[in-house]
Amino acid sequence: MRFVYACDVHGDEDKYHKLLSICKREKIEYIVLGGDIYPKNGDRAVIQIEFIKNGLKEFFDELKKGNIKCILIPGNDDLENYDDDLKNLCDKYENVYNIDRAKTDIEDVCFIGLPDVLDNPFRRKNRVLMEEGLELEPQRSEEIFIEKGTKIITVEEWAKYRQTSVAKMEDVLRELPKPDKAKKSIYVLHDPPYGIGLDCCAIGKCVGSKAIVQFVKENNIYMTLHGHIHESYKESGKWKEHIGNTICIQPGQTELGEEKMTYVIVDTDLNVQNRFEVKVKEE
């Protein structure tokens, strides 16, 4: 099975067009999107629902025309408020699979997805989890948005809330659907694993999940696909690494409006090939 993997495209229409062009040029039938698929600049409550109804629908229509299948998860920048809208849209397309805390079997592969990430410094605590020993980072705002943005609390209140009312990554991973043992399991986890070069942020700190590392070690996983930290590849020079026999991939991503896009072409029957496009091509 061959597929194109990209993460953190953030509603960038040029990146979506590029993914379609790559599939046509390389004769690839599958695209996997590893979270943060909606725009994030501006009023998210307005632009994200508009993108689902228009931009994402148009992308799905193009996929259908090209006989291309898409496996996806949302990410922490994609508002939970619109999960039902995303699900309803995906359900209209037989070639689109939303694996948000769910699984789908395609050919000899079982895809399982999780869009949630560890608690971060951003004020909107969207799809945020805790894990054992996770300290509270200095916050970028004095206002913390919780409960899908319907409630505002202080940083001090968040410090207490996160300890008692936020689920742990360890527990959520354990509760994910189990793969068929006869298939290769590929976990699409928006958060990267801790400390193997796939979670390096611009200040040089590793911010990935230790619980994900432990989960991978304890399970017979063929491959994991990650995102979330755009600059990690530039910081560490690594886009893939191993945890035991498991291949872990995090290609990073360029920012909105940049001409370049990073992605990876995966062949589950062969080896992983690194691909970095230098410009948007019209195909």
C-alpha atoms as a PDB file:
ATOM      1  CA  MET A   1       0.000   0.000   0.000  1.00  0.00           C
ATOM      2  CA  ARG A   2       1.349   3.445  -0.980  1.00  0.00           C
ATOM      3  CA  PHE A   3       0.132   6.689   0.537  1.00  0.00           C
ATOM      4  CA  VAL A   4       1.105  10.324   0.872  1.00  0.00           C
ATOM      5  CA  TYR A   5       1.335  11.527   4.457  1.00  0.00           C
ATOM      6  CA  ALA A   6       1.156  15.183   5.471  1.00  0.00           C
ATOM      7  CA  CYS A   7       0.249  16.966   8.682  1.00  0.00           C
ATOM      8  CA  ASP A   8      -0.641  20.498   9.813  1.00  0.00           C
ATOM      9  CA  VAL A   9      -1.812  21.829   6.453  1.00  0.00           C
ATOM     10  CA  HIS A  10      -4.123  24.231   8.350  1.00  0.00           C
ATOM     11  CA  GLY A  11      -6.599  24.776   5.554  1.00  0.00           C
ATOM     12  CA  ASP A  12      -3.932  25.950   3.100  1.00  0.00           C
ATOM     13  CA  GLU A  13      -5.584  25.459  -0.300  1.00  0.00           C
ATOM     14  CA  ASP A  14      -2.221  25.359  -2.085  1.00  0.00           C
ATOM     15  CA  LYS A  15      -1.119  22.442   0.092  1.00  0.00           C
ATOM     16  CA  TYR A  16      -4.359  20.574  -0.563  1.00  0.00           C
ATOM     17  CA  HIS A  17      -3.923  21.101  -4.318  1.00  0.00           C
ATOM     18  CA  LYS A  18      -0.333  19.959  -4.064  1.00  0.00           C
ATOM     19  CA  LEU A  19      -1.371  16.731  -2.351  1.00  0.00           C
ATOM     20  CA  LEU A  20      -3.768  15.993  -5.202  1.00  0.00           C
ATOM     21  CA  SER A  21      -1.027  16.728  -7.748  1.00  0.00           C
ATOM     22  CA  ILE A  22       1.416  14.415  -5.971  1.00  0.00           C
ATOM     23  CA  CYS A  23      -1.095  11.569  -6.037  1.00  0.00           C
ATOM     24  CA  LYS A  24      -1.767  12.054  -9.749  1.00  0.00           C
ATOM     25  CA  ARG A  25       1.921  12.335 -10.636  1.00  0.00           C
ATOM     26  CA  GLU A  26       3.054   9.394  -8.503  1.00  0.00           C
ATOM     27  CA  LYS A  27      -0.068   7.300  -9.200  1.00  0.00           C
ATOM     28  CA  ILE A  28      -0.884   7.025  -5.490  1.00  0.00           C
ATOM     29  CA  GLU A  29      -4.387   6.085  -4.348  1.00  0.00           C
ATOM     30  CA  TYR A  30      -4.277   7.229  -0.713  1.00  0.00           C
ATOM     31  CA  ILE A  31      -3.691  10.419   1.298  1.00  0.00           C
ATOM     32  CA  VAL A  32      -3.292  10.395   5.089  1.00  0.00           C
ATOM     33  CA  LEU A  33      -3.769  13.685   6.960  1.00  0.00           C
ATOM     34  CA  GLY A  34      -2.310  13.768  10.464  1.00  0.00           C
ATOM     35  CA  GLY A  35      -4.337  16.549  12.093  1.00  0.00           C
ATOM     36  CA  ASP A  36      -4.769  20.333  12.032  1.00  0.00           C
ATOM     37  CA  ILE A  37      -6.650  20.301   8.760  1.00  0.00           C
ATOM     38  CA  TYR A  38      -8.724  23.519   9.172  1.00  0.00           C
ATOM     39  CA  PRO A  39      -7.524  27.151   8.942  1.00  0.00           C
ATOM     40  CA  LYS A  40      -6.467  28.717  12.240  1.00  0.00           C
ATOM     41  CA  ASN A  41      -5.818  32.378  11.404  1.00  0.00           C
ATOM     42  CA  GLY A  42      -8.670  34.767  12.214  1.00  0.00           C
ATOM     43  CA  ASP A  43     -11.970  33.950  13.904  1.00  0.00           C
ATOM     44  CA  ARG A  44     -11.793  30.165  14.065  1.00  0.00           C
ATOM     45  CA  ALA A  45     -15.456  29.814  14.976  1.00  0.00           C
ATOM     46  CA  VAL A  46     -16.341  31.347  11.601  1.00  0.00           C
ATOM     47  CA  ILE A  47     -13.577  30.271   9.229  1.00  0.00           C
ATOM     48  CA  GLN A  48     -13.439  26.630  10.296  1.00  0.00           C
ATOM     49  CA  ILE A  49     -17.102  25.822   9.732  1.00  0.00           C
ATOM     50  CA  GLU A  50     -16.956  27.670   6.403  1.00  0.00           C
ATOM     51  CA  PHE A  51     -13.912  25.625   5.423  1.00  0.00           C
ATOM     52  CA  ILE A  52     -15.649  22.351   6.272  1.00  0.00           C
ATOM     53  CA  LYS A  53     -18.706  23.278   4.204  1.00  0.00           C
ATOM     54  CA  ASN A  54     -16.748  24.661   1.248  1.00  0.00           C
ATOM     55  CA  GLY A  55     -12.984  24.076   1.083  1.00  0.00           C
ATOM     56  CA  LEU A  56     -12.952  20.584   2.573  1.00  0.00           C
ATOM     57  CA  LYS A  57     -16.016  19.523   0.615  1.00  0.00           C
ATOM     58  CA  GLU A  58     -14.367  20.672  -2.614  1.00  0.00           C
ATOM     59  CA  PHE A  59     -11.226  18.723  -1.695  1.00  0.00           C
ATOM     60  CA  PHE A  60     -13.284  15.589  -1.043  1.00  0.00           C
ATOM     61  CA  ASP A  61     -15.063  16.067  -4.381  1.00  0.00           C
ATOM     62  CA  GLU A  62     -11.683  16.215  -6.141  1.00  0.00           C
ATOM     63  CA  LEU A  63     -10.563  13.088  -4.307  1.00  0.00           C
ATOM     64  CA  LYS A  64     -13.661  11.270  -5.499  1.00  0.00           C
ATOM     65  CA  LYS A  65     -13.091  12.378  -9.092  1.00  0.00           C
ATOM     66  CA  GLY A  66      -9.513  11.117  -8.946  1.00  0.00           C
ATOM     67  CA  ASN A  67     -10.468   7.838  -7.241  1.00  0.00           C
ATOM     68  CA  ILE A  68      -8.250   8.769  -4.277  1.00  0.00           C
ATOM     69  CA  LYS A  69      -9.014   7.661  -0.721  1.00  0.00           C
ATOM     70  CA  CYS A  70      -8.289   9.844   2.309  1.00  0.00           C
ATOM     71  CA  ILE A  71      -7.694   8.789   5.928  1.00  0.00           C
ATOM     72  CA  LEU A  72      -7.703  11.709   8.363  1.00  0.00           C
ATOM     73  CA  ILE A  73      -7.896  13.013  11.903  1.00  0.00           C
ATOM     74  CA  PRO A  74      -8.482  16.571  13.125  1.00  0.00           C
ATOM     75  CA  GLY A  75      -5.887  18.167  15.424  1.00  0.00           C
ATOM     76  CA  ASN A  76      -5.686  20.393  18.469  1.00  0.00           C
ATOM     77  CA  ASP A  77      -6.138  23.546  16.347  1.00  0.00           C
ATOM     78  CA  ASP A  78      -9.330  22.137  14.814  1.00  0.00           C
ATOM     79  CA  LEU A  79     -12.259  23.108  17.039  1.00  0.00           C
ATOM     80  CA  GLU A  80     -14.060  20.226  18.728  1.00  0.00           C
ATOM     81  CA  ASN A  81     -17.282  22.194  18.250  1.00  0.00           C
ATOM     82  CA  TYR A  82     -17.319  21.059  14.608  1.00  0.00           C
ATOM     83  CA  ASP A  83     -16.575  17.363  15.086  1.00  0.00           C
ATOM     84  CA  ASP A  84     -20.138  16.420  14.141  1.00  0.00           C
ATOM     85  CA  ASP A  85     -19.939  18.587  11.027  1.00  0.00           C
ATOM     86  CA  LEU A  86     -16.704  16.855   9.988  1.00  0.00           C
ATOM     87  CA  LYS A  87     -18.168  13.425  10.683  1.00  0.00           C
ATOM     88  CA  ASN A  88     -21.328  14.190   8.703  1.00  0.00           C
ATOM     89  CA  LEU A  89     -19.280  15.415   5.753  1.00  0.00           C
ATOM     90  CA  CYS A  90     -16.950  12.399   5.795  1.00  0.00           C
ATOM     91  CA  ASP A  91     -19.929  10.036   5.996  1.00  0.00           C
ATOM     92  CA  LYS A  92     -21.128  11.342   2.627  1.00  0.00           C
ATOM     93  CA  TYR A  93     -17.999  10.025   0.906  1.00  0.00           C
ATOM     94  CA  GLU A  94     -17.195   6.321   0.643  1.00  0.00           C
ATOM     95  CA  ASN A  95     -13.538   7.190  -0.022  1.00  0.00           C
ATOM     96  CA  VAL A  96     -13.004   9.345   3.115  1.00  0.00           C
ATOM     97  CA  TYR A  97     -12.288   7.822   6.534  1.00  0.00           C
ATOM     98  CA  ASN A  98     -12.346   9.892   9.727  1.00  0.00           C
ATOM     99  CA  ILE A  99     -10.402   7.853  12.314  1.00  0.00           C
ATOM    100  CA  ASP A 100     -10.785  10.221  15.280  1.00  0.00           C
ATOM    101  CA  ARG A 101     -10.412   7.704  18.150  1.00  0.00           C
ATOM    102  CA  ALA A 102     -11.579   5.104  15.639  1.00  0.00           C
ATOM    103  CA  LYS A 103     -10.090   2.624  13.186  1.00  0.00           C
ATOM    104  CA  THR A 104     -10.492   1.559   9.595  1.00  0.00           C
ATOM    105  CA  ASP A 105      -9.099  -1.436   7.724  1.00  0.00           C
ATOM    106  CA  ILE A 106      -7.777  -0.776   4.219  1.00  0.00           C
ATOM    107  CA  GLU A 107      -5.982  -3.490   2.276  1.00  0.00           C
ATOM    108  CA  ASP A 108      -3.514  -5.084   4.708  1.00  0.00           C
ATOM    109  CA  VAL A 109      -3.355  -2.058   7.037  1.00  0.00           C
ATOM    110  CA  CYS A 110      -5.382  -1.058  10.091  1.00  0.00           C
ATOM    111  CA  PHE A 111      -5.348   2.727  10.671  1.00  0.00           C
ATOM    112  CA  ILE A 112      -6.119   4.031  14.173  1.00  0.00           C
ATOM    113  CA  GLY A 113      -6.250   7.747  15.014  1.00  0.00           C
ATOM    114  CA  LEU A 114      -5.956  10.149  17.949  1.00  0.00           C
ATOM    115  CA  PRO A 115      -6.046  13.953  17.477  1.00  0.00           C
ATOM    116  CA  ASP A 116      -5.373  14.914  21.118  1.00  0.00           C
ATOM    117  CA  VAL A 117      -2.105  16.433  22.383  1.00  0.00           C
ATOM    118  CA  LEU A 118      -0.546  17.119  25.762  1.00  0.00           C
ATOM    119  CA  ASP A 119      -1.394  20.312  27.635  1.00  0.00           C
ATOM    120  CA  ASN A 120       0.297  23.227  25.891  1.00  0.00           C
ATOM    121  CA  PRO A 121       0.835  26.960  26.564  1.00  0.00           C
ATOM    122  CA  PHE A 122      -2.025  28.063  24.292  1.00  0.00           C
ATOM    123  CA  ARG A 123      -5.082  29.618  25.887  1.00  0.00           C
ATOM    124  CA  ARG A 124      -7.609  27.417  24.083  1.00  0.00           C
ATOM    125  CA  LYS A 125      -7.411  23.970  25.688  1.00  0.00           C
ATOM    126  CA  ASN A 126      -8.766  22.067  22.715  1.00  0.00           C
ATOM    127  CA  ARG A 127      -8.210  18.269  22.613  1.00  0.00           C
ATOM    128  CA  VAL A 128      -5.767  18.579  25.514  1.00  0.00           C
ATOM    129  CA  LEU A 129      -4.619  15.670  27.659  1.00  0.00           C
ATOM    130  CA  MET A 130      -2.425  15.227  30.705  1.00  0.00           C
ATOM    131  CA  GLU A 131       0.159  12.561  31.376  1.00  0.00           C
ATOM    132  CA  GLU A 132       2.037  11.424  34.447  1.00  0.00           C
ATOM    133  CA  GLY A 133       4.556  14.048  35.581  1.00  0.00           C
ATOM    134  CA  LEU A 134       3.546  16.698  33.039  1.00  0.00           C
ATOM    135  CA  GLU A 135       4.342  20.127  34.465  1.00  0.00           C
ATOM    136  CA  LEU A 136       2.379  23.284  33.742  1.00  0.00           C
ATOM    137  CA  GLU A 137       4.206  25.363  31.129  1.00  0.00           C
ATOM    138  CA  PRO A 138       4.220  29.188  31.331  1.00  0.00           C
ATOM    139  CA  GLN A 139       1.005  30.207  29.583  1.00  0.00           C
ATOM    140  CA  ARG A 140       0.784  32.662  26.692  1.00  0.00           C
ATOM    141  CA  SER A 141      -2.436  34.199  27.999  1.00  0.00           C
ATOM    142  CA  GLU A 142      -4.022  34.979  31.351  1.00  0.00           C
ATOM    143  CA  GLU A 143      -7.320  33.634  29.997  1.00  0.00           C
ATOM    144  CA  ILE A 144      -7.795  29.887  29.558  1.00  0.00           C
ATOM    145  CA  PHE A 145     -10.648  28.643  27.352  1.00  0.00           C
ATOM    146  CA  ILE A 146     -12.065  25.247  28.360  1.00  0.00           C
ATOM    147  CA  GLU A 147     -15.171  23.134  27.676  1.00  0.00           C
ATOM    148  CA  LYS A 148     -15.030  23.776  23.926  1.00  0.00           C
ATOM    149  CA  GLY A 149     -14.415  27.469  24.490  1.00  0.00           C
ATOM    150  CA  THR A 150     -17.631  28.030  26.445  1.00  0.00           C
ATOM    151  CA  LYS A 151     -15.917  28.731  29.764  1.00  0.00           C
ATOM    152  CA  ILE A 152     -13.054  31.083  30.629  1.00  0.00           C
ATOM    153  CA  ILE A 153     -10.879  30.527  33.706  1.00  0.00           C
ATOM    154  CA  THR A 154      -7.617  31.920  35.047  1.00  0.00           C
ATOM    155  CA  VAL A 155      -4.228  30.235  34.773  1.00  0.00           C
ATOM    156  CA  GLU A 156      -4.375  29.481  38.501  1.00  0.00           C
ATOM    157  CA  GLU A 157      -7.754  27.812  38.066  1.00  0.00           C
ATOM    158  CA  TRP A 158      -6.428  25.854  35.091  1.00  0.00           C
ATOM    159  CA  ALA A 159      -3.509  24.546  37.175  1.00  0.00           C
ATOM    160  CA  LYS A 160      -6.034  22.856  39.475  1.00  0.00           C
ATOM    161  CA  TYR A 161      -8.558  21.903  36.780  1.00  0.00           C
ATOM    162  CA  ARG A 162      -6.007  20.026  34.666  1.00  0.00           C
ATOM    163  CA  GLN A 163      -5.070  17.793  37.581  1.00  0.00           C
ATOM    164  CA  THR A 164      -8.619  16.621  38.307  1.00  0.00           C
ATOM    165  CA  SER A 165     -10.721  17.056  35.167  1.00  0.00           C
ATOM    166  CA  VAL A 166      -8.459  16.327  32.178  1.00  0.00           C
ATOM    167  CA  ALA A 167      -7.992  12.771  30.896  1.00  0.00           C
ATOM    168  CA  LYS A 168      -4.523  11.219  30.758  1.00  0.00           C
ATOM    169  CA  MET A 169      -2.781  10.247  27.541  1.00  0.00           C
ATOM    170  CA  GLU A 170      -1.963   6.840  29.031  1.00  0.00           C
ATOM    171  CA  ASP A 171      -5.649   6.041  29.569  1.00  0.00           C
ATOM    172  CA  VAL A 172      -6.826   7.403  26.215  1.00  0.00           C
ATOM    173  CA  LEU A 173      -4.229   5.387  24.296  1.00  0.00           C
ATOM    174  CA  ARG A 174      -5.254   2.263  26.163  1.00  0.00           C
ATOM    175  CA  GLU A 175      -8.905   2.829  25.244  1.00  0.00           C
ATOM    176  CA  LEU A 176      -8.301   3.188  21.497  1.00  0.00           C
ATOM    177  CA  PRO A 177      -9.738   0.472  19.237  1.00  0.00           C
ATOM    178  CA  LYS A 178      -7.498  -2.566  18.907  1.00  0.00           C
ATOM    179  CA  PRO A 179      -6.082  -3.463  15.488  1.00  0.00           C
ATOM    180  CA  ASP A 180      -6.713  -6.748  13.741  1.00  0.00           C
ATOM    181  CA  LYS A 181      -3.661  -8.908  14.486  1.00  0.00           C
ATOM    182  CA  ALA A 182      -3.596 -10.059  10.866  1.00  0.00           C
ATOM    183  CA  LYS A 183      -2.984  -6.501   9.626  1.00  0.00           C
ATOM    184  CA  LYS A 184      -0.167  -3.971   9.903  1.00  0.00           C
ATOM    185  CA  SER A 185      -1.194  -1.363  12.472  1.00  0.00           C
ATOM    186  CA  ILE A 186      -0.537   2.300  11.675  1.00  0.00           C
ATOM    187  CA  TYR A 187      -1.401   4.774  14.434  1.00  0.00           C
ATOM    188  CA  VAL A 188      -2.023   8.361  13.306  1.00  0.00           C
ATOM    189  CA  LEU A 189      -1.291  10.311  16.503  1.00  0.00           C
ATOM    190  CA  HIS A 190      -1.186  14.091  16.188  1.00  0.00           C
ATOM    191  CA  ASP A 191       1.143  14.372  19.194  1.00  0.00           C
ATOM    192  CA  PRO A 192       4.693  13.076  18.579  1.00  0.00           C
ATOM    193  CA  PRO A 193       6.613  10.761  20.911  1.00  0.00           C
ATOM    194  CA  TYR A 194       9.002  12.292  23.384  1.00  0.00           C
ATOM    195  CA  GLY A 195      12.743  12.614  22.880  1.00  0.00           C
ATOM    196  CA  ILE A 196      13.519  10.826  19.617  1.00  0.00           C
ATOM    197  CA  GLY A 197      13.959  13.932  17.460  1.00  0.00           C
ATOM    198  CA  LEU A 198      10.366  14.295  16.268  1.00  0.00           C
ATOM    199  CA  ASP A 199       9.170  16.710  18.964  1.00  0.00           C
ATOM    200  CA  CYS A 200      11.793  19.480  18.927  1.00  0.00           C
ATOM    201  CA  CYS A 201      10.326  22.983  19.182  1.00  0.00           C
ATOM    202  CA  ALA A 202      12.076  26.224  18.292  1.00  0.00           C
ATOM    203  CA  ILE A 203      13.420  26.823  21.800  1.00  0.00           C
ATOM    204  CA  GLY A 204      15.219  23.482  21.668  1.00  0.00           C
ATOM    205  CA  LYS A 205      12.874  21.701  24.048  1.00  0.00           C
ATOM    206  CA  CYS A 206      11.370  18.230  23.553  1.00  0.00           C
ATOM    207  CA  VAL A 207       7.612  18.514  24.049  1.00  0.00           C
ATOM    208  CA  GLY A 208       6.302  15.119  22.919  1.00  0.00           C
ATOM    209  CA  SER A 209       4.528  12.452  24.893  1.00  0.00           C
ATOM    210  CA  LYS A 210       6.338   9.921  27.095  1.00  0.00           C
ATOM    211  CA  ALA A 211       3.098   7.947  27.290  1.00  0.00           C
ATOM    212  CA  ILE A 212       3.157   7.486  23.506  1.00  0.00           C
ATOM    213  CA  VAL A 213       6.724   6.132  23.718  1.00  0.00           C
ATOM    214  CA  GLN A 214       5.661   3.630  26.364  1.00  0.00           C
ATOM    215  CA  PHE A 215       2.525   2.667  24.417  1.00  0.00           C
ATOM    216  CA  VAL A 216       4.578   1.948  21.305  1.00  0.00           C
ATOM    217  CA  LYS A 217       7.051  -0.131  23.275  1.00  0.00           C
ATOM    218  CA  GLU A 218       4.280  -2.244  24.795  1.00  0.00           C
ATOM    219  CA  ASN A 219       2.404  -2.956  21.560  1.00  0.00           C
ATOM    220  CA  ASN A 220       3.307  -4.598  18.288  1.00  0.00           C
ATOM    221  CA  ILE A 221       2.873  -1.492  16.113  1.00  0.00           C
ATOM    222  CA  TYR A 222       4.107  -1.351  12.540  1.00  0.00           C
ATOM    223  CA  MET A 223       4.207   2.435  12.154  1.00  0.00           C
ATOM    224  CA  THR A 224       3.168   5.677  13.829  1.00  0.00           C
ATOM    225  CA  LEU A 225       2.486   8.974  12.034  1.00  0.00           C
ATOM    226  CA  HIS A 226       2.697  12.296  13.890  1.00  0.00           C
ATOM    227  CA  GLY A 227       2.566  16.085  13.503  1.00  0.00           C
ATOM    228  CA  HIS A 228       1.844  19.078  15.774  1.00  0.00           C
ATOM    229  CA  ILE A 229       5.382  20.519  16.009  1.00  0.00           C
ATOM    230  CA  HIS A 230       5.858  22.232  12.634  1.00  0.00           C
ATOM    231  CA  GLU A 231       9.513  23.125  13.097  1.00  0.00           C
ATOM    232  CA  SER A 232      10.738  19.817  14.512  1.00  0.00           C
ATOM    233  CA  TYR A 233      12.325  18.578  11.283  1.00  0.00           C
ATOM    234  CA  LYS A 234      14.207  21.860  10.849  1.00  0.00           C
ATOM    235  CA  GLU A 235      15.377  21.786  14.473  1.00  0.00           C
ATOM    236  CA  SER A 236      16.504  18.152  14.722  1.00  0.00           C
ATOM    237  CA  GLY A 237      17.052  17.154  11.084  1.00  0.00           C
ATOM    238  CA  LYS A 238      14.956  14.036  11.718  1.00  0.00           C
ATOM    239  CA  TRP A 239      11.696  13.148  10.047  1.00  0.00           C
ATOM    240  CA  LYS A 240      11.698   9.447  11.002  1.00  0.00           C
ATOM    241  CA  GLU A 241      13.051   7.345  13.824  1.00  0.00           C
ATOM    242  CA  HIS A 242      12.441   3.973  15.444  1.00  0.00           C
ATOM    243  CA  ILE A 243      11.049   2.931  18.801  1.00  0.00           C
ATOM    244  CA  GLY A 244      12.049  -0.710  18.888  1.00  0.00           C
ATOM    245  CA  ASN A 245      10.823  -2.146  15.588  1.00  0.00           C
ATOM    246  CA  THR A 246       8.202   0.576  15.075  1.00  0.00           C
ATOM    247  CA  ILE A 247       8.803   3.224  12.403  1.00  0.00           C
ATOM    248  CA  CYS A 248       7.825   6.704  13.668  1.00  0.00           C
ATOM    249  CA  ILE A 249       7.339   9.528  11.132  1.00  0.00           C
ATOM    250  CA  GLN A 250       6.897  13.283  11.653  1.00  0.00           C
ATOM    251  CA  PRO A 251       7.681  15.349   8.526  1.00  0.00           C
ATOM    252  CA  GLY A 252       6.925  18.723  10.114  1.00  0.00           C
ATOM    253  CA  GLN A 253       5.277  21.426   8.043  1.00  0.00           C
ATOM    254  CA  THR A 254       5.859  24.857   6.568  1.00  0.00           C
ATOM    255  CA  GLU A 255       3.703  27.771   7.662  1.00  0.00           C
ATOM    256  CA  LEU A 256       0.643  29.159   5.909  1.00  0.00           C
ATOM    257  CA  GLY A 257       1.514  30.874   2.662  1.00  0.00           C
ATOM    258  CA  GLU A 258       4.990  29.382   2.301  1.00  0.00           C
ATOM    259  CA  GLU A 259       5.643  27.913  -1.124  1.00  0.00           C
ATOM    260  CA  LYS A 260       7.242  24.715   0.146  1.00  0.00           C
ATOM    261  CA  MET A 261       5.343  21.826   1.673  1.00  0.00           C
ATOM    262  CA  THR A 262       6.834  18.838   3.473  1.00  0.00           C
ATOM    263  CA  TYR A 263       5.364  15.386   3.120  1.00  0.00           C
ATOM    264  CA  VAL A 264       6.356  11.724   3.025  1.00  0.00           C
ATOM    265  CA  ILE A 265       5.481   8.943   0.606  1.00  0.00           C
ATOM    266  CA  VAL A 266       5.067   5.643   2.411  1.00  0.00           C
ATOM    267  CA  ASP A 267       5.089   2.200   0.838  1.00  0.00           C
ATOM    268  CA  THR A 268       4.123  -0.414   3.409  1.00  0.00           C
ATOM    269  CA  ASP A 269       5.536  -3.133   1.173  1.00  0.00           C
ATOM    270  CA  LEU A 270       8.937  -1.447   0.819  1.00  0.00           C
ATOM    271  CA  ASN A 271      10.776   1.288   2.695  1.00  0.00           C
ATOM    272  CA  VAL A 272       9.759   4.825   3.583  1.00  0.00           C
ATOM    273  CA  GLN A 273      10.839   7.422   1.041  1.00  0.00           C
ATOM    274  CA  ASN A 274      11.475  11.032   2.026  1.00  0.00           C
ATOM    275  CA  ARG A 275       9.942  13.633  -0.292  1.00  0.00           C
ATOM    276  CA  PHE A 276      10.258  17.404   0.004  1.00  0.00           C
ATOM    277  CA  GLU A 277       8.595  19.476  -2.720  1.00  0.00           C
ATOM    278  CA  VAL A 278      10.223  22.819  -3.491  1.00  0.00           C
ATOM    279  CA  LYS A 279       7.207  24.548  -5.040  1.00  0.00           C
ATOM    280  CA  VAL A 280       3.557  24.152  -5.835  1.00  0.00           C
ATOM    281  CA  LYS A 281       3.101  22.484  -9.214  1.00  0.00           C
ATOM    282  CA  GLU A 282       0.047  22.784 -11.385  1.00  0.00           C
ATOM    283  CA  GLU A 283      -0.771  19.329 -12.639  1.00  0.00           C
END
